[in-house]
Amino acid sequence: MKHIESVEEFNEIIKHEKVLVDFYADWCGPCQMLGPVLEKMSKEYEDIEFVKVNTDDFLELAKEYKIMSIPALKVFEKGKVTKESVGLLSKSELMELLDK
């Protein structure tokens, strides 16, 4: 699971085939609970890239993607958001988000 280090890096990664982006913050309890689940899933879904965007560090990305609540997950396919979810999800809900 990759932590985004620049807006440019983010913009390049989301162009890939399928990417799950976790918008989070270090102080967010539900984000901390979701992190290990996503980490494990990133090893199970090798065809999907998993990345994390700290909304405190990248306010411009949070604003651009209208992140009002975290954790916020967005699935990108070749640069376009195809699915999204807000709040803590179970592993089965995450699998459903990725498999649809």
Protein backbone atom coordinates (compact mmCIF):
# COMPACT_ATOMS: atom_id res chain seq x y z
CA MET A 1 0.00 0.00 0.00
CA LYS A 2 1.51 3.28 -1.12
CA HIS A 3 1.33 6.62 0.70
CA ILE A 4 1.05 9.46 -1.79
CA GLU A 5 3.90 11.96 -1.53
CA SER A 6 2.86 14.52 -4.15
CA VAL A 7 -0.14 15.67 -6.17
CA GLU A 8 1.77 14.79 -9.33
CA GLU A 9 2.33 11.24 -8.09
CA PHE A 10 -1.38 10.93 -7.26
CA ASN A 11 -2.40 12.17 -10.71
CA GLU A 12 -0.13 9.59 -12.38
CA ILE A 13 -1.24 6.64 -10.23
CA ILE A 14 -4.98 7.19 -10.73
CA LYS A 15 -4.48 6.80 -14.50
CA HIS A 16 -3.69 3.10 -13.97
CA GLU A 17 -6.16 0.31 -14.70
CA LYS A 18 -7.79 0.15 -11.24
CA VAL A 19 -6.81 2.04 -8.09
CA LEU A 20 -8.43 2.21 -4.64
CA VAL A 21 -7.67 5.51 -2.92
CA ASP A 22 -8.11 5.81 0.84
CA PHE A 23 -8.51 9.45 1.90
CA TYR A 24 -7.66 9.47 5.61
CA ALA A 25 -6.09 11.42 8.48
CA ASP A 26 -3.78 10.20 11.24
CA TRP A 27 -6.11 11.47 13.99
CA CYS A 28 -9.19 9.64 12.59
CA GLY A 29 -10.17 6.57 14.65
CA PRO A 30 -12.20 4.83 11.92
CA CYS A 31 -9.33 5.50 9.47
CA GLN A 32 -6.92 3.75 11.84
CA MET A 33 -9.27 0.76 12.06
CA LEU A 34 -9.65 0.58 8.27
CA GLY A 35 -5.91 0.81 7.54
CA PRO A 36 -4.89 -2.76 8.50
CA VAL A 37 -7.86 -4.21 6.59
CA LEU A 38 -6.86 -2.32 3.44
CA GLU A 39 -3.24 -3.33 3.92
CA LYS A 40 -4.22 -7.00 4.01
CA MET A 41 -6.56 -6.63 1.02
CA SER A 42 -3.81 -4.94 -1.00
CA LYS A 43 -1.95 -8.26 -0.88
CA GLU A 44 -5.06 -10.24 -1.88
CA TYR A 45 -6.04 -7.99 -4.80
CA GLU A 46 -2.77 -7.81 -6.71
CA ASP A 47 -4.47 -6.41 -9.83
CA ILE A 48 -5.64 -3.32 -7.92
CA GLU A 49 -3.33 -0.59 -6.65
CA PHE A 50 -4.06 0.60 -3.11
CA VAL A 51 -2.96 4.11 -2.16
CA LYS A 52 -3.46 6.36 0.83
CA VAL A 53 -3.89 10.14 0.75
CA ASN A 54 -3.54 12.02 4.04
CA THR A 55 -6.16 14.77 3.77
CA ASP A 56 -4.24 16.97 6.25
CA ASP A 57 -1.21 16.91 3.95
CA PHE A 58 -3.12 17.18 0.68
CA LEU A 59 -5.97 19.61 1.28
CA GLU A 60 -6.09 20.43 -2.44
CA LEU A 61 -6.84 16.78 -3.32
CA ALA A 62 -9.44 16.55 -0.56
CA LYS A 63 -11.09 19.67 -1.94
CA GLU A 64 -10.87 18.52 -5.57
CA TYR A 65 -12.50 15.17 -4.77
CA LYS A 66 -15.06 16.73 -2.38
CA ILE A 67 -13.93 14.81 0.69
CA MET A 68 -16.28 15.93 3.47
CA SER A 69 -15.92 12.92 5.77
CA ILE A 70 -13.21 10.35 6.30
CA PRO A 71 -12.36 7.61 5.74
CA ALA A 72 -13.43 8.15 2.14
CA LEU A 73 -12.67 5.51 -0.46
CA LYS A 74 -12.70 6.13 -4.19
CA VAL A 75 -12.12 3.54 -6.90
CA PHE A 76 -10.47 4.99 -10.00
CA GLU A 77 -10.36 3.23 -13.34
CA LYS A 78 -8.06 4.90 -15.86
CA GLY A 79 -8.36 8.27 -14.13
CA LYS A 80 -12.14 8.28 -13.54
CA VAL A 81 -13.94 7.68 -10.25
CA THR A 82 -16.16 4.64 -10.78
CA LYS A 83 -17.20 3.89 -7.20
CA GLU A 84 -16.97 5.59 -3.83
CA SER A 85 -17.82 5.06 -0.20
CA VAL A 86 -17.59 7.06 3.02
CA GLY A 87 -17.10 5.70 6.50
CA LEU A 88 -15.76 2.51 8.01
CA LEU A 89 -16.52 -0.60 5.94
CA SER A 90 -16.22 -4.27 6.79
CA LYS A 91 -13.97 -6.49 4.70
CA SER A 92 -17.01 -7.98 2.92
CA GLU A 93 -18.29 -4.46 2.10
CA LEU A 94 -14.84 -3.56 0.77
CA MET A 95 -14.77 -6.70 -1.36
CA GLU A 96 -18.16 -5.76 -2.78
CA LEU A 97 -16.90 -2.25 -3.57
CA LEU A 98 -13.93 -3.70 -5.45
CA ASP A 99 -15.69 -6.57 -7.21
CA LYS A 100 -18.73 -4.85 -8.70
